Protein backbone atom coordinates (compact mmCIF):
# COMPACT_ATOMS: atom_id res chain seq x y z
CA MET A 1 -6.72 -29.43 13.16
CA SER A 2 -8.82 -30.41 10.06
CA LEU A 3 -9.42 -28.68 7.03
CA PHE A 4 -12.40 -29.72 4.67
CA PHE A 5 -11.95 -28.62 1.36
CA ASN A 6 -14.90 -28.95 -1.68
CA HIS A 7 -11.60 -28.51 -4.27
CA CYS A 8 -7.85 -29.17 -3.49
CA LEU A 9 -4.96 -28.77 -5.62
CA LEU A 10 -2.94 -32.01 -4.77
CA PRO A 11 0.36 -32.86 -6.42
CA ASP A 12 -1.33 -35.51 -8.72
CA GLY A 13 -3.91 -33.02 -9.57
CA TRP A 14 -7.40 -31.82 -8.39
CA GLY A 15 -8.97 -33.69 -5.59
CA ARG A 16 -12.70 -33.30 -4.54
CA ASN A 17 -14.02 -33.44 -1.05
CA VAL A 18 -10.13 -32.96 0.60
CA ARG A 19 -10.13 -33.33 4.49
CA VAL A 20 -6.06 -32.26 5.51
CA THR A 21 -5.37 -32.74 8.61
CA VAL A 22 -2.23 -30.98 10.40
CA ALA A 23 -0.71 -31.24 13.66
CA ASP A 24 2.43 -29.23 15.00
CA GLY A 25 2.30 -27.16 11.79
CA LEU A 26 2.51 -30.17 9.45
CA ILE A 27 0.34 -32.45 7.36
CA THR A 28 -0.62 -35.44 8.93
CA ALA A 29 -3.29 -36.57 6.76
CA VAL A 30 -4.73 -35.90 3.34
CA GLU A 31 -7.91 -37.73 2.78
CA ALA A 32 -9.83 -36.98 -0.89
CA ASN A 33 -13.57 -38.04 -1.13
CA ALA A 34 -14.08 -37.90 2.34
CA GLU A 35 -17.33 -37.01 4.02
CA PRO A 36 -17.43 -33.84 6.02
CA CYS A 37 -17.30 -33.76 9.83
CA ALA A 38 -18.57 -31.66 12.30
CA ALA A 39 -14.75 -30.66 13.67
CA ASP A 40 -13.71 -29.48 10.21
CA GLU A 41 -13.09 -26.22 8.95
CA ARG A 42 -14.63 -25.83 5.67
CA HIS A 43 -13.48 -23.87 2.67
CA ALA A 44 -14.26 -24.31 -1.05
CA CYS A 45 -10.63 -24.17 -2.65
CA ALA A 46 -7.36 -24.84 -1.33
CA LEU A 47 -3.68 -24.18 -3.40
CA ALA A 48 -0.51 -24.88 -1.72
CA GLY A 49 0.99 -21.54 -0.94
CA MET A 50 3.71 -19.96 -3.26
CA PRO A 51 7.22 -19.39 -2.37
CA ASN A 52 8.35 -15.91 -3.38
CA LEU A 53 12.52 -16.95 -4.04
CA HIS A 54 13.66 -13.57 -4.27
CA SER A 55 13.08 -10.40 -2.19
CA HIS A 56 14.55 -7.00 -1.13
CA ALA A 57 12.26 -6.08 1.64
CA PHE A 58 13.78 -3.02 2.68
CA GLN A 59 12.93 -1.52 -0.78
CA ARG A 60 9.03 -1.85 -0.05
CA GLY A 61 9.39 1.65 1.65
CA MET A 62 10.55 3.30 -1.61
CA ALA A 63 7.62 1.91 -3.77
CA GLY A 64 6.83 4.28 -6.51
CA LEU A 65 9.51 6.94 -5.51
CA ALA A 66 11.39 6.05 -8.40
CA GLU A 67 8.45 6.87 -11.25
CA GLN A 68 9.41 10.38 -12.38
CA SER A 69 11.63 11.16 -15.54
CA GLY A 70 15.51 12.28 -15.14
CA PRO A 71 17.41 14.34 -17.69
CA ALA A 72 18.65 11.04 -19.71
CA ASN A 73 17.31 7.76 -20.50
CA ASP A 74 16.70 6.34 -16.98
CA SER A 75 17.52 2.67 -16.40
CA PHE A 76 18.36 -0.07 -13.50
CA TRP A 77 21.48 2.10 -12.97
CA THR A 78 19.60 5.76 -12.55
CA TRP A 79 17.10 3.31 -9.85
CA ARG A 80 20.20 2.30 -8.59
CA GLU A 81 21.31 5.42 -7.23
CA ILE A 82 17.70 6.40 -5.49
CA MET A 83 17.28 3.42 -4.03
CA TYR A 84 20.92 4.28 -2.65
CA ARG A 85 19.67 7.19 -1.16
CA PHE A 86 16.52 5.84 0.28
CA VAL A 87 18.68 3.08 2.56
CA ASP A 88 21.60 5.66 3.69
CA ARG A 89 19.58 6.43 7.13
CA MET A 90 17.60 3.55 7.57
CA THR A 91 18.22 1.09 10.83
CA PRO A 92 17.55 -2.26 11.95
CA ASP A 93 14.44 -1.02 13.78
CA ASP A 94 13.61 0.52 10.53
CA VAL A 95 14.38 -2.55 8.08
CA GLN A 96 12.51 -4.58 10.74
CA ALA A 97 9.52 -2.39 10.29
CA ILE A 98 9.55 -2.24 6.36
CA ALA A 99 9.80 -6.00 6.24
CA ALA A 100 6.95 -6.81 8.40
CA LEU A 101 4.80 -5.06 6.24
CA ALA A 102 6.28 -6.50 2.67
CA TYR A 103 5.76 -10.29 4.62
CA VAL A 104 2.34 -8.91 5.77
CA GLU A 105 1.03 -8.02 2.06
CA MET A 106 2.89 -11.41 0.64
CA LEU A 107 0.88 -13.53 2.87
CA GLU A 108 -2.28 -11.14 1.40
CA GLY A 109 -0.92 -12.01 -2.16
CA GLY A 110 -0.79 -15.72 -1.62
CA PHE A 111 3.68 -15.84 -1.08
CA THR A 112 3.93 -18.32 2.10
CA ARG A 113 7.93 -18.70 2.22
CA VAL A 114 10.45 -15.94 1.24
CA GLY A 115 13.88 -16.06 -0.42
CA GLU A 116 15.35 -12.47 1.25
CA PHE A 117 18.30 -12.04 -0.43
CA HIS A 118 19.78 -9.86 2.18
CA TYR A 119 22.69 -6.86 1.68
CA LEU A 120 21.89 -4.27 4.01
CA HIS A 121 24.40 -5.30 6.37
CA HIS A 122 26.18 -2.23 8.16
CA ASP A 123 25.70 0.81 10.19
CA HIS A 124 25.37 4.36 8.59
CA ALA A 125 29.13 4.67 8.26
CA GLY A 126 29.95 1.25 6.98
CA ARG A 127 30.79 -0.31 10.48
CA PRO A 128 29.77 -4.05 11.13
CA PHE A 129 27.51 -3.84 14.37
CA ALA A 130 28.71 -5.77 17.42
CA ASP A 131 26.58 -8.26 15.79
CA PRO A 132 27.40 -8.45 12.50
CA ALA A 133 24.11 -10.14 11.86
CA GLN A 134 22.03 -7.14 13.46
CA MET A 135 20.26 -6.30 10.40
CA SER A 136 19.81 -10.12 9.25
CA ALA A 137 17.92 -10.78 12.60
CA ALA A 138 15.73 -7.48 12.11
CA VAL A 139 14.11 -9.67 8.62
CA LEU A 140 13.96 -12.61 10.53
CA ALA A 141 12.06 -10.39 13.35
CA ALA A 142 9.90 -9.45 10.30
CA ALA A 143 9.34 -12.50 9.37
CA THR A 144 8.42 -14.32 12.91
CA ASP A 145 6.05 -10.97 13.26
CA SER A 146 4.14 -11.78 9.83
CA GLY A 147 4.25 -15.52 10.19
CA ILE A 148 5.41 -16.04 6.67
CA GLY A 149 8.46 -18.81 6.29
CA ILE A 150 11.77 -17.54 5.28
CA THR A 151 14.88 -18.27 3.57
CA LEU A 152 17.40 -16.34 4.63
CA LEU A 153 19.81 -15.42 2.46
CA PRO A 154 22.52 -13.27 3.63
CA VAL A 155 24.75 -11.71 0.61
CA LEU A 156 28.29 -11.27 0.21
CA TYR A 157 29.02 -7.79 -1.73
CA SER A 158 32.64 -6.91 -1.68
CA TYR A 159 33.31 -4.33 -5.30
CA ALA A 160 31.77 -2.42 -7.38
CA GLY A 161 32.50 -3.84 -10.72
CA PHE A 162 34.30 -6.55 -12.61
CA GLY A 163 37.47 -6.88 -11.83
CA ALA A 164 37.19 -5.88 -8.13
CA GLN A 165 36.70 -2.33 -8.40
CA SER A 166 36.50 -0.49 -5.33
CA PRO A 167 33.44 0.49 -3.66
CA SER A 168 31.59 3.60 -3.54
CA PRO A 169 30.65 5.67 -0.95
CA ALA A 170 27.05 4.35 -1.46
CA GLN A 171 27.65 0.97 -1.13
CA ALA A 172 29.50 0.93 2.12
CA ARG A 173 26.56 -0.38 4.02
CA PHE A 174 26.60 -3.39 2.26
CA ILE A 175 30.42 -4.78 1.93
CA ASN A 176 31.91 -7.71 3.37
CA ASP A 177 35.26 -9.33 2.74
CA LEU A 178 35.44 -13.19 2.87
CA ASP A 179 36.10 -13.26 6.87
CA GLY A 180 33.66 -10.83 7.50
CA TYR A 181 30.93 -12.54 5.89
CA ALA A 182 31.69 -16.05 7.15
CA ARG A 183 30.72 -14.05 10.66
CA LEU A 184 27.74 -13.06 9.21
CA LEU A 185 26.43 -16.17 8.06
CA GLU A 186 27.27 -18.23 11.46
CA GLY A 187 25.18 -15.43 13.34
CA ALA A 188 22.40 -15.47 10.92
CA GLN A 189 22.62 -18.85 11.31
CA ALA A 190 22.37 -18.64 15.15
CA HIS A 191 19.47 -15.92 14.99
CA ALA A 192 17.59 -18.68 12.26
CA SER A 193 17.69 -21.65 14.41
CA ALA A 194 15.12 -19.92 16.76
CA LEU A 195 12.34 -20.11 13.73
CA PRO A 196 10.57 -23.21 13.08
CA ASP A 197 11.80 -24.01 9.60
CA ALA A 198 14.14 -20.99 8.74
CA VAL A 199 16.34 -22.03 5.96
CA VAL A 200 19.94 -19.76 5.87
CA GLY A 201 21.49 -19.77 2.37
CA VAL A 202 24.52 -17.94 0.70
CA ALA A 203 24.11 -15.45 -1.89
CA PRO A 204 27.11 -13.90 -3.73
CA HIS A 205 25.36 -11.13 -5.12
CA SER A 206 26.37 -10.90 -8.67
CA LEU A 207 29.46 -11.31 -10.72
CA ARG A 208 30.29 -7.69 -10.79
CA ALA A 209 30.22 -7.67 -6.60
CA VAL A 210 32.61 -10.53 -5.73
CA SER A 211 35.84 -11.71 -7.41
CA PRO A 212 36.47 -15.29 -9.11
CA ALA A 213 38.52 -16.16 -6.19
CA GLN A 214 35.68 -15.43 -3.74
CA LEU A 215 33.34 -17.19 -5.42
CA ARG A 216 35.64 -20.19 -5.68
CA ASP A 217 36.47 -19.61 -1.48
CA LEU A 218 32.60 -19.81 -0.92
CA ALA A 219 32.27 -23.68 -1.98
CA PRO A 220 32.88 -24.60 1.62
CA LEU A 221 30.75 -22.26 3.32
CA ALA A 222 27.96 -23.39 0.76
CA LYS A 223 27.78 -26.54 1.87
CA ASP A 224 24.88 -28.04 0.66
CA ARG A 225 22.76 -24.82 1.15
CA PRO A 226 20.61 -22.91 -1.65
CA VAL A 227 23.18 -20.48 -3.61
CA HIS A 228 21.51 -17.12 -5.23
CA ILE A 229 23.32 -14.74 -7.33
CA HIS A 230 22.02 -11.86 -9.60
CA ILE A 231 23.37 -12.38 -12.82
CA ALA A 232 22.62 -11.54 -16.97
CA GLU A 233 20.01 -8.55 -15.55
CA GLN A 234 20.86 -5.84 -17.72
CA VAL A 235 22.75 -4.98 -21.43
CA LYS A 236 25.45 -3.45 -19.80
CA GLU A 237 26.15 -6.05 -17.26
CA VAL A 238 26.54 -8.66 -19.93
CA ASP A 239 28.85 -5.90 -22.07
CA ASP A 240 30.69 -5.30 -19.11
CA CYS A 241 31.66 -9.11 -18.14
CA LEU A 242 32.39 -9.68 -21.72
CA ALA A 243 35.02 -6.61 -21.88
CA TRP A 244 36.56 -8.14 -18.35
CA SER A 245 36.64 -12.08 -19.41
CA GLY A 246 35.56 -12.42 -22.87
CA GLN A 247 32.39 -14.15 -21.50
CA ARG A 248 28.97 -13.68 -21.03
CA PRO A 249 27.74 -13.96 -17.39
CA VAL A 250 25.71 -17.05 -17.54
CA GLU A 251 28.40 -18.52 -19.86
CA TRP A 252 31.42 -17.48 -17.04
CA LEU A 253 29.65 -19.10 -14.30
CA LEU A 254 28.77 -22.06 -15.47
CA ASP A 255 32.24 -22.63 -16.94
CA ASN A 256 33.59 -21.55 -13.48
CA ALA A 257 31.36 -22.45 -10.62
CA ASP A 258 29.83 -25.67 -9.85
CA VAL A 259 26.43 -24.71 -10.57
CA ASP A 260 23.77 -27.32 -9.58
CA GLY A 261 19.97 -27.68 -8.55
CA ARG A 262 20.84 -25.77 -4.99
CA TRP A 263 21.66 -22.93 -7.61
CA CYS A 264 19.38 -20.22 -7.92
CA LEU A 265 20.26 -17.66 -10.97
CA VAL A 266 18.39 -14.54 -10.82
CA HIS A 267 16.80 -12.57 -13.52
CA ALA A 268 19.33 -14.33 -15.89
CA THR A 269 17.58 -12.17 -18.74
CA HIS A 270 20.20 -11.52 -21.15
CA LEU A 271 21.04 -15.47 -22.33
CA THR A 272 22.09 -16.65 -26.07
CA GLU A 273 20.69 -19.99 -27.15
CA ALA A 274 23.87 -21.78 -25.71
CA GLU A 275 23.40 -20.44 -22.28
CA THR A 276 19.90 -20.82 -22.22
CA LEU A 277 20.21 -24.81 -22.94
CA ALA A 278 23.43 -24.88 -20.85
CA MET A 279 21.94 -23.51 -17.88
CA ALA A 280 19.00 -25.94 -18.27
CA ARG A 281 20.95 -28.98 -17.69
CA SER A 282 22.71 -27.57 -14.80
CA ARG A 283 19.46 -27.67 -12.93
CA ALA A 284 19.95 -24.67 -11.67
CA VAL A 285 16.32 -22.69 -11.17
CA ALA A 286 15.95 -19.50 -12.61
CA GLY A 287 14.51 -16.60 -10.36
CA LEU A 288 12.33 -14.71 -12.09
CA CYS A 289 10.89 -11.33 -10.95
CA PRO A 290 8.19 -10.32 -13.49
CA ILE A 291 6.87 -7.13 -12.03
CA THR A 292 10.63 -5.77 -11.21
CA GLU A 293 12.01 -6.59 -14.36
CA ALA A 294 9.21 -4.84 -16.41
CA ASN A 295 9.51 -1.98 -13.64
CA LEU A 296 13.23 -1.31 -13.99
CA GLY A 297 13.01 -2.15 -17.95
CA ASP A 298 15.59 -5.31 -17.79
CA GLY A 299 13.93 -7.14 -20.22
CA LEU A 300 12.31 -10.57 -20.89
CA PHE A 301 14.01 -14.23 -20.10
CA PRO A 302 13.94 -16.81 -22.56
CA VAL A 303 11.35 -18.65 -20.93
CA GLU A 304 9.85 -20.86 -24.00
CA ALA A 305 13.00 -22.50 -24.77
CA PHE A 306 14.27 -23.08 -21.47
CA LEU A 307 11.24 -25.00 -20.64
CA ALA A 308 11.79 -26.94 -23.43
CA ALA A 309 14.85 -27.68 -22.52
CA GLY A 310 13.85 -29.23 -19.05
CA GLY A 311 14.67 -25.82 -17.14
CA ARG A 312 12.88 -24.88 -13.59
CA TYR A 313 11.97 -21.90 -12.56
CA GLY A 314 10.25 -19.75 -9.88
CA ILE A 315 9.06 -16.20 -9.57
CA GLY A 316 9.75 -13.37 -6.77
CA SER A 317 8.69 -9.88 -5.76
CA ASP A 318 12.42 -8.37 -5.86
CA SER A 319 12.07 -4.59 -5.34
CA ASN A 320 8.26 -5.63 -4.26
CA VAL A 321 7.22 -1.87 -6.08
CA LEU A 322 4.04 -4.42 -6.49
CA ILE A 323 3.38 -7.79 -4.35
CA ASP A 324 1.13 -10.16 -5.83
CA ALA A 325 1.54 -14.14 -6.73
CA SER A 326 -1.18 -14.03 -9.05
CA GLU A 327 0.27 -11.08 -11.09
CA GLU A 328 3.94 -12.27 -10.66
CA LEU A 329 2.56 -15.07 -12.69
CA ARG A 330 0.33 -13.67 -15.06
CA LEU A 331 2.51 -11.29 -15.83
CA LEU A 332 5.30 -13.80 -16.95
CA GLU A 333 3.21 -15.51 -19.24
CA TYR A 334 1.97 -12.13 -20.80
CA GLY A 335 5.40 -10.79 -21.23
CA GLN A 336 5.85 -14.19 -23.51
CA ARG A 337 2.73 -13.90 -25.35
CA LEU A 338 3.42 -9.81 -26.39
CA THR A 339 6.86 -10.71 -27.74
CA ARG A 340 5.88 -14.00 -29.49
CA ARG A 341 2.68 -12.94 -30.44
CA ALA A 342 0.91 -16.32 -29.27
CA ARG A 343 -1.04 -17.46 -26.59
CA ASN A 344 -1.26 -19.80 -23.74
CA VAL A 345 2.53 -20.02 -24.24
CA MET A 346 4.15 -21.78 -21.22
CA ALA A 347 1.21 -24.68 -21.47
CA ARG A 348 3.73 -27.75 -21.46
CA GLY A 349 1.61 -29.25 -24.34
CA ALA A 350 -1.87 -29.60 -26.13
CA GLY A 351 -4.94 -29.02 -24.35
CA ARG A 352 -2.64 -28.04 -21.25
CA SER A 353 -3.68 -25.16 -18.95
CA THR A 354 -1.64 -22.80 -18.81
CA GLY A 355 -2.84 -21.54 -15.27
CA ALA A 356 -1.85 -24.65 -13.75
CA ASP A 357 1.19 -25.58 -15.61
CA LEU A 358 2.13 -21.91 -14.43
CA TYR A 359 1.50 -22.74 -10.51
CA SER A 360 2.45 -25.88 -10.81
CA GLY A 361 6.17 -24.78 -12.14
CA ALA A 362 6.78 -22.14 -9.88
CA LEU A 363 5.87 -23.90 -6.64
CA ALA A 364 8.61 -26.57 -7.54
CA GLY A 365 11.01 -24.58 -8.83
CA GLY A 366 10.43 -21.80 -5.85
CA ALA A 367 10.61 -24.44 -3.42
CA ALA A 368 13.59 -25.87 -4.77
CA ALA A 369 15.39 -22.76 -5.22
CA LEU A 370 14.32 -21.91 -0.96
CA GLY A 371 15.84 -25.68 0.09
CA VAL A 372 12.46 -27.06 1.13
CA GLU A 373 9.31 -28.90 -0.26
CA ALA A 374 6.08 -27.53 -1.17
CA GLY A 375 2.43 -28.64 -2.00
CA ILE A 376 -0.37 -30.31 0.31
CA ALA A 377 0.94 -33.30 1.34
CA VAL A 378 1.90 -35.59 4.23
CA GLY A 379 4.78 -34.35 6.07
CA LEU A 380 4.76 -31.08 4.34
CA PRO A 381 4.53 -27.70 6.21
CA ALA A 382 0.59 -26.97 6.25
CA ASP A 383 1.09 -23.94 3.86
CA ILE A 384 -2.21 -23.34 2.38
CA VAL A 385 -4.15 -20.74 0.03
CA THR A 386 -8.12 -20.86 0.07
CA LEU A 387 -9.61 -18.98 -2.87
CA ARG A 388 -13.59 -17.94 -3.01
CA LEU A 389 -15.30 -19.59 -5.32
CA ASP A 390 -18.11 -17.09 -5.05
CA HIS A 391 -15.78 -14.66 -6.35
CA PRO A 392 -17.62 -13.53 -9.84
CA ALA A 393 -14.38 -14.36 -11.84
CA MET A 394 -14.57 -18.10 -10.29
CA ALA A 395 -18.30 -18.80 -10.37
CA HIS A 396 -18.86 -22.65 -11.47
CA ARG A 397 -15.28 -22.96 -12.04
CA GLN A 398 -13.53 -26.59 -11.38
CA GLY A 399 -10.58 -28.47 -12.22
CA ASP A 400 -7.99 -26.73 -13.76
CA ALA A 401 -10.62 -24.09 -14.60
CA ILE A 402 -9.91 -22.47 -11.23
CA THR A 403 -6.15 -22.35 -11.41
CA ASP A 404 -6.90 -20.16 -14.40
CA SER A 405 -9.67 -18.06 -13.49
CA PHE A 406 -7.54 -17.16 -10.49
CA LEU A 407 -4.49 -16.37 -11.93
CA PHE A 408 -6.02 -14.24 -15.55
CA ALA A 409 -9.45 -13.40 -14.18
CA ALA A 410 -10.08 -12.83 -10.28
CA GLY A 411 -6.27 -12.74 -9.03
CA ARG A 412 -5.27 -11.59 -5.50
CA SER A 413 -9.35 -10.24 -4.79
CA ALA A 414 -10.13 -14.12 -4.87
CA ILE A 415 -7.64 -14.58 -1.56
CA ASP A 416 -9.66 -15.99 1.33
CA CYS A 417 -7.70 -17.41 4.06
CA VAL A 418 -3.79 -18.00 4.12
CA TRP A 419 -2.31 -20.79 6.72
CA ARG A 420 1.50 -20.95 6.88
CA HIS A 421 2.85 -23.92 8.85
CA GLY A 422 -0.64 -24.83 10.49
CA GLU A 423 -1.52 -21.42 11.58
CA LYS A 424 -3.89 -18.97 10.05
CA PHE A 425 -2.85 -15.11 9.56
CA VAL A 426 -4.85 -14.11 6.96
CA SER A 427 -8.92 -14.38 6.88
CA GLU A 428 -11.26 -12.75 4.30
CA GLY A 429 -8.20 -11.80 2.24
CA ARG A 430 -6.24 -9.51 5.02
CA HIS A 431 -3.75 -10.52 7.60
CA ARG A 432 -4.85 -10.52 11.18
CA ALA A 433 -1.91 -7.79 12.22
CA ARG A 434 -1.88 -5.55 9.11
CA ASP A 435 -3.18 -2.48 10.85
CA ARG A 436 -0.88 -2.83 13.58
CA VAL A 437 2.00 -3.37 11.03
CA ALA A 438 1.49 -0.77 8.97
CA ARG A 439 1.05 1.81 11.75
CA ASP A 440 4.61 0.91 12.34
CA TYR A 441 5.66 1.13 8.68
CA THR A 442 3.66 4.44 7.92
CA LYS A 443 6.05 5.81 11.45
CA VAL A 444 8.81 4.67 9.97
CA LEU A 445 8.52 6.09 6.24
CA GLU A 446 7.80 9.42 8.03
CA THR A 447 11.43 9.55 9.16
CA LEU A 448 12.74 8.40 6.13
CA ILE A 449 10.97 10.41 3.20
CA ALA A 450 10.73 13.84 5.42
C-alpha cells in the first residue's frame, strides 16, 4: 500500500509531496518530493497519530452524569463516589462495550494508541474471576474491535489511603494484594500476546493505594515495562501525604523509588519548584489530562518551569468525559495562558509555532510513556491521521500554520482519515464500526443507568 500526501509532518519537520509505503502494518519507505503515481491513495495532509497515555475507558459511560451540584462543595472526592456507584453492576461484557465506544471515539479524535489504566478487576462481590485477567481481556477485546493500539496498564490497588488504610466496600472490585496482582499481570500478558503490538505495563494506582513495601516489591514485576502512577492530583492528597510521611507525594516518590524514563507520573498537578525540577531531571513523563483535570477542578501542572528544565509530557483523556486530542492540547496551552496572562506559553522559543511544539512534545512524550515509538518514519507502525485542508479553518495553510490552525481553530472537525497499523479505520471523520459499536454501548447504558 502506498499513501501520497501533499503535506506530511515528518520527524524533522514538514515535507511536501511525500509517499509513505506500508507493508504488514509498518512503514517501509518514506519519500519526500515524490511524484504521485496511479497506485497511490492521495490525501492533502498527514500527521502521526497521537498517543493517549491515560484512560479509564469504563468511565466513558458516566460522562455528563456528575454535573449536578451537591449539598457541599463538589470536588474529585464527591465525583469519585458517583463513579463507585456507576461501576457497581458492570460486567466484563459491559466494560467491553463501553471501552469499544471510547476507543472508536479516540480514533475519530486523532488518538491511535491508548494507555489503559485499568483497575476494575473483580466481580460484583469483589471476588477474582476464574481468569483473574477477565476484565483486562474485555478491554483488550475492545481494542481489537476498534483497531486502536493499546498499552494495557493493570493497576495494583490495595488500600483506601496513606498508611495502608483498609479499603471501603465500594473499592472491593479494585483490590489485589501483590500475589494476586502478579497473577493478574501474567494473565493480562497472555491475553495481550494475541494483539499485533500490544504492550503491558505496571501501574501502582497511587501512593495512597499501595504501601511503600508494595512499591518496592513491584520492581521485579516491572522489569523494563512502562510504570504509571497517579500522583499529586488533589490538594487533599498532598496534605494527607504530608501528614503521613512528612513529604509531598512527588518528593516522597523520587526519594523512595527508582523513577526514570520508563515512568509516567499522571497529573502531578501540585508541585513545588524543587519537585518540578527534580521530576524533570528524573526523565519521567508528566501525564497531563487537561479536559478531565478541568472537569474535576484539579488545578494546572506547572508546564513552563517543567519544560524549561527539560521535562517531557504527554496527554491523556482520563475520565473520557470528552475525547478529543486537539482539545486536550488546546486546553493545555490555554490553561497556561490564563494563569500566566500571556500567549504562546508552550512555544519553545521566539518565532516557534505553539501548535507544532505542542504536537511534537506530546507525540514524543506520550509514545515514551506507552513503551513505543511514534512518528511517520521507516520501521514504525503506520499510525497516521489525515486532515482536510479544504476545511474553512485550514484553507491555504502550509507548514506549521497547519498544526496551529488544526489545534486552535479547526479541531477534530478537520480530521478526515485515520490509519492504525496500516489499516484505515476512520474515513470522512467517522469510524467504520461506529453504528454497531454505538448500538451495543447504548444497550449497555440502558441497563446501567435504569
